[in-house]
Amino acid sequence: MLEIDGSFGEGGGQILRTSVSLSAVTGEPVKVVNVRANRPNPGLAPSHLTSIEAVAQLCDAEVEGLHPGSKELVFKPRQLTGGDFEFDVGTAGSISLVLTSCLLPGALSKGRVRLRVKGGTNVRWSPPIDYLSSVHMPMLARFGASCSIELLSRGFYPEGGGEVDVEIVPSGGLAGLVLTEQGKVLAIDGIAYAQNLPEHIVSRMKHSAVKKLVGFQNVRIEGDLRRGSSTGAGIVLAARCENTVIGATGLGAKGVKAETLGENAASDLAETIASGATVDEHMLDQILPYMAVAHSSSSITADDLTEHAKTNIWVIEKFFPKKFSISTRGNLTEIATG
């Protein structure tokens, strides 16, 4: 059984999610020890349980140590068969983190996978659900996987109340993806959203972002104003380039102006485009397992190799004989699989 030290690197929940996801697709049993040992509250947090449980159901795994505070987890996968599943993360627990744990196993299942997940759709320390639909899933499609997501309701901290439907069509395997050049920016799409707030919040986010992106053509940001059981706002932008999709996000917080959210997200997007990177900081972490599982070589360029990415590479290389190669291309870092 493969053993992973959960205290390595940034030592967070990503080690757990990557470990169980790769265990499910490789069939390799895994034990994660020292779970979140470097965190103020070590051991499994409630927010991690649903992600692990979800992957376990997808592959009919036997799991030991799946309870809050557990410092050791044993995951023994069986077969990825597909099917319909429902999960409730609880209050505003991140739906996106559950989905990013399940997308790779779902894409390599024997049958179609349908997921209904309840919890938080737009919460801190996780990608907004709109980022998954506008950036992550289009990037996954470039590996050959087909996924779709329907946002039924939004959920913000602390009440939650979000709900999504996801369908994953098995690909039979992922093709390699070589992304070393952005290509021309074809369009910039976005969504400015708010729930239980005045319409002008959405308008101010939109207008400030568009103003910041005045140097680009084909900029279109939609507004999404809703009523629901929780209150919040934010913006997600996606630059659709000839060869890739690059995203940027902003999530509302008390005391932060709507204009600031829009401007900051637009500035982040413009900076990543100007750098020449083919993935943004968030997609860098999320794309690495797909690269490792793909049948042929893959490569991407990033503005910088984050600590999260370094930790994820370390975990992934425990499962596969092939290693990532990391090199410098001008001001960019190129990450590739052989």
C-alpha atoms as a PDB file:
ATOM      1  CA  MET A   1       0.000   0.000   0.000  1.00  0.00           C
ATOM      2  CA  LEU A   2       1.252   3.439  -0.977  1.00  0.00           C
ATOM      3  CA  GLU A   3       1.844   5.732   2.004  1.00  0.00           C
ATOM      4  CA  ILE A   4       1.586   9.523   1.739  1.00  0.00           C
ATOM      5  CA  ASP A   5       2.778  11.948   4.407  1.00  0.00           C
ATOM      6  CA  GLY A   6      -0.082  14.420   4.810  1.00  0.00           C
ATOM      7  CA  SER A   7       2.186  16.970   6.506  1.00  0.00           C
ATOM      8  CA  PHE A   8       4.402  17.433   3.425  1.00  0.00           C
ATOM      9  CA  GLY A   9       4.698  20.895   1.876  1.00  0.00           C
ATOM     10  CA  GLU A  10       1.650  23.064   2.454  1.00  0.00           C
ATOM     11  CA  GLY A  11       0.113  20.043   4.188  1.00  0.00           C
ATOM     12  CA  GLY A  12      -3.530  20.840   3.470  1.00  0.00           C
ATOM     13  CA  GLY A  13      -6.596  19.078   2.204  1.00  0.00           C
ATOM     14  CA  GLN A  14      -5.283  18.996  -1.355  1.00  0.00           C
ATOM     15  CA  ILE A  15      -2.967  16.122  -0.438  1.00  0.00           C
ATOM     16  CA  LEU A  16      -6.010  14.104   0.611  1.00  0.00           C
ATOM     17  CA  ARG A  17      -8.110  14.966  -2.427  1.00  0.00           C
ATOM     18  CA  THR A  18      -5.323  14.262  -4.921  1.00  0.00           C
ATOM     19  CA  SER A  19      -4.401  11.008  -3.155  1.00  0.00           C
ATOM     20  CA  VAL A  20      -7.897   9.506  -3.183  1.00  0.00           C
ATOM     21  CA  SER A  21      -8.605  10.715  -6.739  1.00  0.00           C
ATOM     22  CA  LEU A  22      -5.440   9.080  -8.094  1.00  0.00           C
ATOM     23  CA  SER A  23      -6.026   5.993  -5.982  1.00  0.00           C
ATOM     24  CA  ALA A  24      -9.432   5.630  -7.619  1.00  0.00           C
ATOM     25  CA  VAL A  25      -8.090   5.871 -11.185  1.00  0.00           C
ATOM     26  CA  THR A  26      -4.947   3.757 -10.677  1.00  0.00           C
ATOM     27  CA  GLY A  27      -6.481   1.116  -8.408  1.00  0.00           C
ATOM     28  CA  GLU A  28      -3.588   1.646  -5.991  1.00  0.00           C
ATOM     29  CA  PRO A  29      -4.607   1.517  -2.289  1.00  0.00           C
ATOM     30  CA  VAL A  30      -3.278   4.465  -0.328  1.00  0.00           C
ATOM     31  CA  LYS A  31      -2.707   5.391   3.293  1.00  0.00           C
ATOM     32  CA  VAL A  32      -2.421   9.072   4.204  1.00  0.00           C
ATOM     33  CA  VAL A  33      -0.715   9.650   7.557  1.00  0.00           C
ATOM     34  CA  ASN A  34      -0.099  12.839   9.548  1.00  0.00           C
ATOM     35  CA  VAL A  35      -3.241  14.335   8.031  1.00  0.00           C
ATOM     36  CA  ARG A  36      -2.944  18.134   8.134  1.00  0.00           C
ATOM     37  CA  ALA A  37      -0.394  17.788  10.932  1.00  0.00           C
ATOM     38  CA  ASN A  38       0.931  21.342  10.487  1.00  0.00           C
ATOM     39  CA  ARG A  39      -2.465  23.027  10.721  1.00  0.00           C
ATOM     40  CA  PRO A  40      -3.917  24.673  13.871  1.00  0.00           C
ATOM     41  CA  ASN A  41      -6.613  21.965  13.971  1.00  0.00           C
ATOM     42  CA  PRO A  42      -4.856  18.858  12.639  1.00  0.00           C
ATOM     43  CA  GLY A  43      -6.641  15.841  11.250  1.00  0.00           C
ATOM     44  CA  LEU A  44      -9.581  15.527   8.896  1.00  0.00           C
ATOM     45  CA  ALA A  45     -11.837  18.575   8.890  1.00  0.00           C
ATOM     46  CA  PRO A  46     -15.562  18.148   8.121  1.00  0.00           C
ATOM     47  CA  SER A  47     -15.049  19.974   4.809  1.00  0.00           C
ATOM     48  CA  HIS A  48     -12.795  17.147   3.557  1.00  0.00           C
ATOM     49  CA  LEU A  49     -15.091  14.275   4.422  1.00  0.00           C
ATOM     50  CA  THR A  50     -17.561  14.717   1.566  1.00  0.00           C
ATOM     51  CA  SER A  51     -14.801  14.890  -1.068  1.00  0.00           C
ATOM     52  CA  ILE A  52     -13.337  11.606   0.153  1.00  0.00           C
ATOM     53  CA  GLU A  53     -16.760   9.998   0.530  1.00  0.00           C
ATOM     54  CA  ALA A  54     -17.732  11.090  -2.978  1.00  0.00           C
ATOM     55  CA  VAL A  55     -14.660   9.538  -4.619  1.00  0.00           C
ATOM     56  CA  ALA A  56     -15.137   6.436  -2.485  1.00  0.00           C
ATOM     57  CA  GLN A  57     -18.662   5.971  -3.815  1.00  0.00           C
ATOM     58  CA  LEU A  58     -17.517   6.463  -7.400  1.00  0.00           C
ATOM     59  CA  CYS A  59     -15.082   3.553  -7.094  1.00  0.00           C
ATOM     60  CA  ASP A  60     -16.843   1.528  -4.372  1.00  0.00           C
ATOM     61  CA  ALA A  61     -13.826   1.983  -2.102  1.00  0.00           C
ATOM     62  CA  GLU A  62     -13.293   0.632   1.376  1.00  0.00           C
ATOM     63  CA  VAL A  63     -12.281   3.529   3.631  1.00  0.00           C
ATOM     64  CA  GLU A  64     -10.862   3.547   7.147  1.00  0.00           C
ATOM     65  CA  GLY A  65     -10.459   6.624   9.319  1.00  0.00           C
ATOM     66  CA  LEU A  66     -13.162   8.710   7.653  1.00  0.00           C
ATOM     67  CA  HIS A  67     -14.258  10.854  10.583  1.00  0.00           C
ATOM     68  CA  PRO A  68     -13.573  14.419  11.829  1.00  0.00           C
ATOM     69  CA  GLY A  69     -10.180  14.752  13.500  1.00  0.00           C
ATOM     70  CA  SER A  70      -8.792  11.540  12.007  1.00  0.00           C
ATOM     71  CA  LYS A  71      -5.034  11.792  11.460  1.00  0.00           C
ATOM     72  CA  GLU A  72      -4.809   8.678   9.281  1.00  0.00           C
ATOM     73  CA  LEU A  73      -6.873   7.597   6.298  1.00  0.00           C
ATOM     74  CA  VAL A  74      -6.803   4.286   4.404  1.00  0.00           C
ATOM     75  CA  PHE A  75      -8.442   4.208   0.964  1.00  0.00           C
ATOM     76  CA  LYS A  76      -8.845   0.908  -0.918  1.00  0.00           C
ATOM     77  CA  PRO A  77     -10.506   1.409  -4.331  1.00  0.00           C
ATOM     78  CA  ARG A  78     -12.416  -1.117  -6.378  1.00  0.00           C
ATOM     79  CA  GLN A  79     -13.939  -0.358  -9.814  1.00  0.00           C
ATOM     80  CA  LEU A  80     -15.074   2.923 -11.369  1.00  0.00           C
ATOM     81  CA  THR A  81     -18.453   1.909 -12.750  1.00  0.00           C
ATOM     82  CA  GLY A  82     -20.387   5.176 -13.104  1.00  0.00           C
ATOM     83  CA  GLY A  83     -23.907   5.906 -11.864  1.00  0.00           C
ATOM     84  CA  ASP A  84     -25.994   8.595 -10.177  1.00  0.00           C
ATOM     85  CA  PHE A  85     -24.863  10.091  -6.863  1.00  0.00           C
ATOM     86  CA  GLU A  86     -25.999  12.776  -4.429  1.00  0.00           C
ATOM     87  CA  PHE A  87     -23.819  14.503  -1.825  1.00  0.00           C
ATOM     88  CA  ASP A  88     -24.477  17.218   0.719  1.00  0.00           C
ATOM     89  CA  VAL A  89     -21.314  18.989   1.890  1.00  0.00           C
ATOM     90  CA  GLY A  90     -23.250  20.703   4.657  1.00  0.00           C
ATOM     91  CA  THR A  91     -23.961  24.443   5.045  1.00  0.00           C
ATOM     92  CA  ALA A  92     -21.347  26.302   2.958  1.00  0.00           C
ATOM     93  CA  GLY A  93     -18.794  23.531   2.472  1.00  0.00           C
ATOM     94  CA  SER A  94     -17.232  23.834  -0.974  1.00  0.00           C
ATOM     95  CA  ILE A  95     -19.056  22.056  -3.780  1.00  0.00           C
ATOM     96  CA  SER A  96     -16.155  22.878  -6.115  1.00  0.00           C
ATOM     97  CA  LEU A  97     -13.627  20.923  -4.051  1.00  0.00           C
ATOM     98  CA  VAL A  98     -15.897  17.873  -4.134  1.00  0.00           C
ATOM     99  CA  LEU A  99     -16.242  18.185  -7.902  1.00  0.00           C
ATOM    100  CA  THR A 100     -12.517  18.655  -8.583  1.00  0.00           C
ATOM    101  CA  SER A 101     -11.952  15.435  -6.607  1.00  0.00           C
ATOM    102  CA  CYS A 102     -14.525  13.564  -8.713  1.00  0.00           C
ATOM    103  CA  LEU A 103     -13.926  14.832 -12.263  1.00  0.00           C
ATOM    104  CA  LEU A 104     -10.897  12.668 -13.046  1.00  0.00           C
ATOM    105  CA  PRO A 105     -12.387   9.428 -11.629  1.00  0.00           C
ATOM    106  CA  GLY A 106     -15.661  10.259 -13.387  1.00  0.00           C
ATOM    107  CA  ALA A 107     -13.929  10.802 -16.727  1.00  0.00           C
ATOM    108  CA  LEU A 108     -12.272   7.376 -16.454  1.00  0.00           C
ATOM    109  CA  SER A 109     -15.346   5.471 -15.214  1.00  0.00           C
ATOM    110  CA  LYS A 110     -16.916   2.668 -17.211  1.00  0.00           C
ATOM    111  CA  GLY A 111     -20.275   4.439 -17.354  1.00  0.00           C
ATOM    112  CA  ARG A 112     -21.759   7.921 -17.301  1.00  0.00           C
ATOM    113  CA  VAL A 113     -21.546   9.743 -13.949  1.00  0.00           C
ATOM    114  CA  ARG A 114     -24.240  12.122 -12.716  1.00  0.00           C
ATOM    115  CA  LEU A 115     -23.677  14.110  -9.539  1.00  0.00           C
ATOM    116  CA  ARG A 116     -25.990  16.338  -7.531  1.00  0.00           C
ATOM    117  CA  VAL A 117     -24.042  18.215  -4.865  1.00  0.00           C
ATOM    118  CA  LYS A 118     -25.347  20.626  -2.219  1.00  0.00           C
ATOM    119  CA  GLY A 119     -23.320  23.113  -0.181  1.00  0.00           C
ATOM    120  CA  GLY A 120     -21.400  26.293  -1.002  1.00  0.00           C
ATOM    121  CA  THR A 121     -20.927  27.300  -4.629  1.00  0.00           C
ATOM    122  CA  ASN A 122     -18.997  30.525  -4.045  1.00  0.00           C
ATOM    123  CA  VAL A 123     -16.896  30.371  -0.883  1.00  0.00           C
ATOM    124  CA  ARG A 124     -13.376  31.308   0.154  1.00  0.00           C
ATOM    125  CA  TRP A 125     -10.368  29.017  -0.290  1.00  0.00           C
ATOM    126  CA  SER A 126     -11.938  27.193  -3.225  1.00  0.00           C
ATOM    127  CA  PRO A 127     -12.651  27.929  -6.895  1.00  0.00           C
ATOM    128  CA  PRO A 128     -16.092  29.470  -7.563  1.00  0.00           C
ATOM    129  CA  ILE A 129     -18.497  27.139  -9.312  1.00  0.00           C
ATOM    130  CA  ASP A 130     -18.486  29.591 -12.252  1.00  0.00           C
ATOM    131  CA  TYR A 131     -14.711  29.120 -12.606  1.00  0.00           C
ATOM    132  CA  LEU A 132     -15.234  25.368 -12.957  1.00  0.00           C
ATOM    133  CA  SER A 133     -17.824  25.828 -15.710  1.00  0.00           C
ATOM    134  CA  SER A 134     -15.998  28.588 -17.619  1.00  0.00           C
ATOM    135  CA  VAL A 135     -12.331  27.568 -17.201  1.00  0.00           C
ATOM    136  CA  HIS A 136     -11.782  24.156 -15.619  1.00  0.00           C
ATOM    137  CA  MET A 137     -14.248  22.113 -17.672  1.00  0.00           C
ATOM    138  CA  PRO A 138     -13.258  23.657 -21.036  1.00  0.00           C
ATOM    139  CA  MET A 139      -9.636  22.845 -20.182  1.00  0.00           C
ATOM    140  CA  LEU A 140     -10.566  19.280 -19.214  1.00  0.00           C
ATOM    141  CA  ALA A 141     -12.395  18.975 -22.543  1.00  0.00           C
ATOM    142  CA  ARG A 142      -9.066  19.603 -24.291  1.00  0.00           C
ATOM    143  CA  PHE A 143      -7.840  16.329 -22.764  1.00  0.00           C
ATOM    144  CA  GLY A 144     -10.848  14.594 -24.332  1.00  0.00           C
ATOM    145  CA  ALA A 145     -13.256  14.462 -21.384  1.00  0.00           C
ATOM    146  CA  SER A 146     -16.841  15.718 -21.670  1.00  0.00           C
ATOM    147  CA  CYS A 147     -18.381  17.373 -18.606  1.00  0.00           C
ATOM    148  CA  SER A 148     -21.305  19.723 -18.081  1.00  0.00           C
ATOM    149  CA  ILE A 149     -22.520  21.610 -15.052  1.00  0.00           C
ATOM    150  CA  GLU A 150     -25.884  23.193 -14.218  1.00  0.00           C
ATOM    151  CA  LEU A 151     -26.083  25.733 -11.412  1.00  0.00           C
ATOM    152  CA  LEU A 152     -29.423  25.237  -9.653  1.00  0.00           C
ATOM    153  CA  SER A 153     -28.862  27.660  -6.758  1.00  0.00           C
ATOM    154  CA  ARG A 154     -25.988  29.636  -5.276  1.00  0.00           C
ATOM    155  CA  GLY A 155     -24.648  29.093  -1.783  1.00  0.00           C
ATOM    156  CA  PHE A 156     -22.470  31.538   0.168  1.00  0.00           C
ATOM    157  CA  TYR A 157     -20.876  31.401   3.610  1.00  0.00           C
ATOM    158  CA  PRO A 158     -22.192  30.728   6.229  1.00  0.00           C
ATOM    159  CA  GLU A 159     -25.704  29.523   5.295  1.00  0.00           C
ATOM    160  CA  GLY A 160     -24.879  27.733   2.046  1.00  0.00           C
ATOM    161  CA  GLY A 161     -27.922  26.532   0.160  1.00  0.00           C
ATOM    162  CA  GLY A 162     -26.132  25.980  -3.149  1.00  0.00           C
ATOM    163  CA  GLU A 163     -26.920  23.078  -5.459  1.00  0.00           C
ATOM    164  CA  VAL A 164     -25.487  21.878  -8.772  1.00  0.00           C
ATOM    165  CA  ASP A 165     -26.011  19.050 -11.232  1.00  0.00           C
ATOM    166  CA  VAL A 166     -22.966  17.656 -13.041  1.00  0.00           C
ATOM    167  CA  GLU A 167     -22.731  15.077 -15.791  1.00  0.00           C
ATOM    168  CA  ILE A 168     -19.456  13.401 -16.771  1.00  0.00           C
ATOM    169  CA  VAL A 169     -19.272  11.304 -19.923  1.00  0.00           C
ATOM    170  CA  PRO A 170     -16.448   8.712 -19.752  1.00  0.00           C
ATOM    171  CA  SER A 171     -13.622   9.382 -22.170  1.00  0.00           C
ATOM    172  CA  GLY A 172     -11.920   5.986 -22.202  1.00  0.00           C
ATOM    173  CA  GLY A 173      -8.667   7.771 -21.419  1.00  0.00           C
ATOM    174  CA  LEU A 174      -7.175  11.247 -21.599  1.00  0.00           C
ATOM    175  CA  ALA A 175      -5.065  12.517 -24.467  1.00  0.00           C
ATOM    176  CA  GLY A 176      -1.966  14.583 -23.793  1.00  0.00           C
ATOM    177  CA  LEU A 177      -2.206  18.360 -24.049  1.00  0.00           C
ATOM    178  CA  VAL A 178       0.666  20.576 -25.170  1.00  0.00           C
ATOM    179  CA  LEU A 179       0.051  24.180 -24.119  1.00  0.00           C
ATOM    180  CA  THR A 180       3.206  26.209 -24.556  1.00  0.00           C
ATOM    181  CA  GLU A 181       1.706  29.236 -26.317  1.00  0.00           C
ATOM    182  CA  GLN A 182      -1.412  31.234 -25.445  1.00  0.00           C
ATOM    183  CA  GLY A 183      -2.193  32.318 -28.970  1.00  0.00           C
ATOM    184  CA  LYS A 184      -4.390  35.334 -29.682  1.00  0.00           C
ATOM    185  CA  VAL A 185      -7.041  36.394 -27.148  1.00  0.00           C
ATOM    186  CA  LEU A 186     -10.295  35.756 -29.021  1.00  0.00           C
ATOM    187  CA  ALA A 187     -12.760  36.969 -26.395  1.00  0.00           C
ATOM    188  CA  ILE A 188     -13.164  37.650 -22.699  1.00  0.00           C
ATOM    189  CA  ASP A 189     -16.335  36.347 -21.083  1.00  0.00           C
ATOM    190  CA  GLY A 190     -17.434  36.824 -17.528  1.00  0.00           C
ATOM    191  CA  ILE A 191     -20.221  36.725 -15.001  1.00  0.00           C
ATOM    192  CA  ALA A 192     -20.854  39.202 -12.199  1.00  0.00           C
ATOM    193  CA  TYR A 193     -23.215  37.640  -9.680  1.00  0.00           C
ATOM    194  CA  ALA A 194     -25.019  38.676  -6.511  1.00  0.00           C
ATOM    195  CA  GLN A 195     -27.657  37.171  -4.270  1.00  0.00           C
ATOM    196  CA  ASN A 196     -29.996  39.042  -1.928  1.00  0.00           C
ATOM    197  CA  LEU A 197     -28.231  42.295  -2.841  1.00  0.00           C
ATOM    198  CA  PRO A 198     -29.197  45.342  -4.965  1.00  0.00           C
ATOM    199  CA  GLU A 199     -28.808  45.166  -8.737  1.00  0.00           C
ATOM    200  CA  HIS A 200     -26.303  48.000  -8.739  1.00  0.00           C
ATOM    201  CA  ILE A 201     -23.740  45.684  -7.067  1.00  0.00           C
ATOM    202  CA  VAL A 202     -23.717  43.564 -10.216  1.00  0.00           C
ATOM    203  CA  SER A 203     -23.591  46.615 -12.505  1.00  0.00           C
ATOM    204  CA  ARG A 204     -20.677  48.169 -10.638  1.00  0.00           C
ATOM    205  CA  MET A 205     -18.632  44.955 -10.788  1.00  0.00           C
ATOM    206  CA  LYS A 206     -19.323  44.615 -14.506  1.00  0.00           C
ATOM    207  CA  HIS A 207     -18.539  48.194 -15.420  1.00  0.00           C
ATOM    208  CA  SER A 208     -15.320  48.379 -13.410  1.00  0.00           C
ATOM    209  CA  ALA A 209     -14.039  45.146 -14.972  1.00  0.00           C
ATOM    210  CA  VAL A 210     -14.945  46.228 -18.509  1.00  0.00           C
ATOM    211  CA  LYS A 211     -13.236  49.576 -17.951  1.00  0.00           C
ATOM    212  CA  LYS A 212     -10.050  47.794 -16.835  1.00  0.00           C
ATOM    213  CA  LEU A 213     -10.170  45.528 -19.902  1.00  0.00           C
ATOM    214  CA  VAL A 214     -10.693  48.341 -22.403  1.00  0.00           C
ATOM    215  CA  GLY A 215      -7.603  47.284 -24.359  1.00  0.00           C
ATOM    216  CA  PHE A 216      -9.189  43.939 -25.315  1.00  0.00           C
ATOM    217  CA  GLN A 217     -11.808  43.220 -27.956  1.00  0.00           C
ATOM    218  CA  ASN A 218     -14.958  41.117 -27.537  1.00  0.00           C
ATOM    219  CA  VAL A 219     -15.376  41.626 -23.788  1.00  0.00           C
ATOM    220  CA  ARG A 220     -18.779  40.467 -22.563  1.00  0.00           C
ATOM    221  CA  ILE A 221     -19.693  40.179 -18.886  1.00  0.00           C
ATOM    222  CA  GLU A 222     -23.141  38.923 -17.971  1.00  0.00           C
ATOM    223  CA  GLY A 223     -25.031  39.739 -14.809  1.00  0.00           C
ATOM    224  CA  ASP A 224     -26.627  37.138 -12.530  1.00  0.00           C
ATOM    225  CA  LEU A 225     -28.885  38.535  -9.792  1.00  0.00           C
ATOM    226  CA  ARG A 226     -30.726  36.035  -7.587  1.00  0.00           C
ATOM    227  CA  ARG A 227     -32.629  35.518  -4.368  1.00  0.00           C
ATOM    228  CA  GLY A 228     -31.666  32.643  -2.107  1.00  0.00           C
ATOM    229  CA  SER A 229     -30.944  31.343   1.353  1.00  0.00           C
ATOM    230  CA  SER A 230     -27.520  33.029   1.586  1.00  0.00           C
ATOM    231  CA  THR A 231     -26.053  36.390   0.647  1.00  0.00           C
ATOM    232  CA  GLY A 232     -22.962  37.202  -1.384  1.00  0.00           C
ATOM    233  CA  ALA A 233     -21.451  38.524  -4.591  1.00  0.00           C
ATOM    234  CA  GLY A 234     -18.481  38.030  -6.866  1.00  0.00           C
ATOM    235  CA  ILE A 235     -17.126  37.955 -10.396  1.00  0.00           C
ATOM    236  CA  VAL A 236     -15.462  35.358 -12.644  1.00  0.00           C
ATOM    237  CA  LEU A 237     -13.653  36.220 -15.883  1.00  0.00           C
ATOM    238  CA  ALA A 238     -12.375  33.894 -18.610  1.00  0.00           C
ATOM    239  CA  ALA A 239     -10.087  34.827 -21.502  1.00  0.00           C
ATOM    240  CA  ARG A 240     -10.648  32.465 -24.422  1.00  0.00           C
ATOM    241  CA  CYS A 241      -7.405  32.273 -26.344  1.00  0.00           C
ATOM    242  CA  GLU A 242      -6.518  30.350 -29.489  1.00  0.00           C
ATOM    243  CA  ASN A 243      -4.842  27.597 -27.465  1.00  0.00           C
ATOM    244  CA  THR A 244      -6.100  27.907 -23.895  1.00  0.00           C
ATOM    245  CA  VAL A 245      -8.534  29.429 -21.402  1.00  0.00           C
ATOM    246  CA  ILE A 246      -7.305  31.688 -18.600  1.00  0.00           C
ATOM    247  CA  GLY A 247      -9.424  32.735 -15.633  1.00  0.00           C
ATOM    248  CA  ALA A 248      -9.552  35.207 -12.765  1.00  0.00           C
ATOM    249  CA  THR A 249     -11.984  35.540  -9.880  1.00  0.00           C
ATOM    250  CA  GLY A 250     -13.091  37.858  -7.108  1.00  0.00           C
ATOM    251  CA  LEU A 251     -15.336  37.050  -4.151  1.00  0.00           C
ATOM    252  CA  GLY A 252     -17.182  39.707  -2.169  1.00  0.00           C
ATOM    253  CA  ALA A 253     -16.341  40.415   1.464  1.00  0.00           C
ATOM    254  CA  LYS A 254     -17.511  42.897   4.042  1.00  0.00           C
ATOM    255  CA  GLY A 255     -16.002  46.319   3.391  1.00  0.00           C
ATOM    256  CA  VAL A 256     -14.829  45.494  -0.151  1.00  0.00           C
ATOM    257  CA  LYS A 257     -16.397  47.694  -2.819  1.00  0.00           C
ATOM    258  CA  ALA A 258     -17.993  46.165  -5.890  1.00  0.00           C
ATOM    259  CA  GLU A 259     -15.710  48.276  -8.069  1.00  0.00           C
ATOM    260  CA  THR A 260     -12.666  46.841  -6.308  1.00  0.00           C
ATOM    261  CA  LEU A 261     -13.815  43.273  -7.006  1.00  0.00           C
ATOM    262  CA  GLY A 262     -14.255  43.967 -10.693  1.00  0.00           C
ATOM    263  CA  GLU A 263     -11.007  45.903 -11.064  1.00  0.00           C
ATOM    264  CA  ASN A 264      -8.900  43.363  -9.185  1.00  0.00           C
ATOM    265  CA  ALA A 265     -10.238  40.379 -11.148  1.00  0.00           C
ATOM    266  CA  ALA A 266      -9.685  42.217 -14.441  1.00  0.00           C
ATOM    267  CA  SER A 267      -6.167  43.234 -13.408  1.00  0.00           C
ATOM    268  CA  ASP A 268      -5.300  39.662 -12.427  1.00  0.00           C
ATOM    269  CA  LEU A 269      -6.569  38.392 -15.771  1.00  0.00           C
ATOM    270  CA  ALA A 270      -4.687  41.043 -17.749  1.00  0.00           C
ATOM    271  CA  GLU A 271      -1.452  40.292 -15.861  1.00  0.00           C
ATOM    272  CA  THR A 272      -1.680  36.565 -16.580  1.00  0.00           C
ATOM    273  CA  ILE A 273      -2.368  37.245 -20.255  1.00  0.00           C
ATOM    274  CA  ALA A 274       0.576  39.661 -20.415  1.00  0.00           C
ATOM    275  CA  SER A 275       2.885  37.089 -18.802  1.00  0.00           C
ATOM    276  CA  GLY A 276       2.300  34.648 -21.661  1.00  0.00           C
ATOM    277  CA  ALA A 277       1.371  31.800 -19.285  1.00  0.00           C
ATOM    278  CA  THR A 278      -1.017  29.174 -20.659  1.00  0.00           C
ATOM    279  CA  VAL A 279      -2.650  28.468 -17.299  1.00  0.00           C
ATOM    280  CA  ASP A 280      -3.587  30.776 -14.450  1.00  0.00           C
ATOM    281  CA  GLU A 281      -2.534  30.156 -10.861  1.00  0.00           C
ATOM    282  CA  HIS A 282      -5.681  28.187  -9.973  1.00  0.00           C
ATOM    283  CA  MET A 283      -5.731  25.979 -13.060  1.00  0.00           C
ATOM    284  CA  LEU A 284      -2.057  25.173 -12.524  1.00  0.00           C
ATOM    285  CA  ASP A 285      -2.917  23.089  -9.461  1.00  0.00           C
ATOM    286  CA  GLN A 286      -5.996  21.526 -11.014  1.00  0.00           C
ATOM    287  CA  ILE A 287      -4.501  20.466 -14.354  1.00  0.00           C
ATOM    288  CA  LEU A 288      -1.527  18.507 -12.987  1.00  0.00           C
ATOM    289  CA  PRO A 289      -3.373  15.208 -12.294  1.00  0.00           C
ATOM    290  CA  TYR A 290      -4.849  15.247 -15.818  1.00  0.00           C
ATOM    291  CA  MET A 291      -1.359  15.681 -17.263  1.00  0.00           C
ATOM    292  CA  ALA A 292      -0.066  12.742 -15.232  1.00  0.00           C
ATOM    293  CA  VAL A 293      -2.887  10.391 -16.253  1.00  0.00           C
ATOM    294  CA  ALA A 294      -2.883  11.354 -19.963  1.00  0.00           C
ATOM    295  CA  HIS A 295      -1.632   8.695 -22.387  1.00  0.00           C
ATOM    296  CA  SER A 296       0.854  11.001 -24.101  1.00  0.00           C
ATOM    297  CA  SER A 297       3.120  13.830 -23.000  1.00  0.00           C
ATOM    298  CA  SER A 298       1.713  17.150 -21.836  1.00  0.00           C
ATOM    299  CA  SER A 299       3.180  20.560 -21.112  1.00  0.00           C
ATOM    300  CA  ILE A 300       1.999  23.918 -19.774  1.00  0.00           C
ATOM    301  CA  THR A 301       3.569  27.226 -18.847  1.00  0.00           C
ATOM    302  CA  ALA A 302       2.865  29.155 -15.660  1.00  0.00           C
ATOM    303  CA  ASP A 303       3.826  32.534 -14.303  1.00  0.00           C
ATOM    304  CA  ASP A 304       5.239  30.846 -11.198  1.00  0.00           C
ATOM    305  CA  LEU A 305       5.337  27.419  -9.572  1.00  0.00           C
ATOM    306  CA  THR A 306       3.238  27.837  -6.428  1.00  0.00           C
ATOM    307  CA  GLU A 307       3.714  25.883  -3.196  1.00  0.00           C
ATOM    308  CA  HIS A 308       0.349  24.232  -3.848  1.00  0.00           C
ATOM    309  CA  ALA A 309       1.588  23.057  -7.246  1.00  0.00           C
ATOM    310  CA  LYS A 310       4.863  21.760  -5.806  1.00  0.00           C
ATOM    311  CA  THR A 311       2.953  19.763  -3.202  1.00  0.00           C
ATOM    312  CA  ASN A 312       0.570  18.368  -5.810  1.00  0.00           C
ATOM    313  CA  ILE A 313       3.470  17.290  -8.035  1.00  0.00           C
ATOM    314  CA  TRP A 314       5.053  15.523  -5.062  1.00  0.00           C
ATOM    315  CA  VAL A 315       1.843  13.565  -4.400  1.00  0.00           C
ATOM    316  CA  ILE A 316       1.268  12.716  -8.075  1.00  0.00           C
ATOM    317  CA  GLU A 317       4.798  11.381  -8.527  1.00  0.00           C
ATOM    318  CA  LYS A 318       4.155   8.863  -5.747  1.00  0.00           C
ATOM    319  CA  PHE A 319       1.599   7.177  -8.018  1.00  0.00           C
ATOM    320  CA  PHE A 320       3.371   7.244 -11.389  1.00  0.00           C
ATOM    321  CA  PRO A 321       6.821   6.201 -12.597  1.00  0.00           C
ATOM    322  CA  LYS A 322       6.981   9.131 -15.011  1.00  0.00           C
ATOM    323  CA  LYS A 323       8.124  12.395 -13.474  1.00  0.00           C
ATOM    324  CA  PHE A 324       7.339  16.012 -14.169  1.00  0.00           C
ATOM    325  CA  SER A 325      10.102  18.072 -15.712  1.00  0.00           C
ATOM    326  CA  ILE A 326      10.322  21.727 -14.703  1.00  0.00           C
ATOM    327  CA  SER A 327      12.287  24.281 -16.695  1.00  0.00           C
ATOM    328  CA  THR A 328      12.457  28.015 -17.306  1.00  0.00           C
ATOM    329  CA  ARG A 329      11.309  29.711 -20.510  1.00  0.00           C
ATOM    330  CA  GLY A 330      12.134  33.389 -20.205  1.00  0.00           C
ATOM    331  CA  ASN A 331      10.016  34.650 -17.309  1.00  0.00           C
ATOM    332  CA  LEU A 332       7.802  31.558 -17.339  1.00  0.00           C
ATOM    333  CA  THR A 333       8.009  28.123 -15.735  1.00  0.00           C
ATOM    334  CA  GLU A 334       7.303  25.170 -18.035  1.00  0.00           C
ATOM    335  CA  ILE A 335       5.923  21.996 -16.472  1.00  0.00           C
ATOM    336  CA  ALA A 336       5.868  18.863 -18.621  1.00  0.00           C
ATOM    337  CA  THR A 337       5.378  15.115 -18.471  1.00  0.00           C
ATOM    338  CA  GLY A 338       7.491  12.775 -20.558  1.00  0.00           C
END
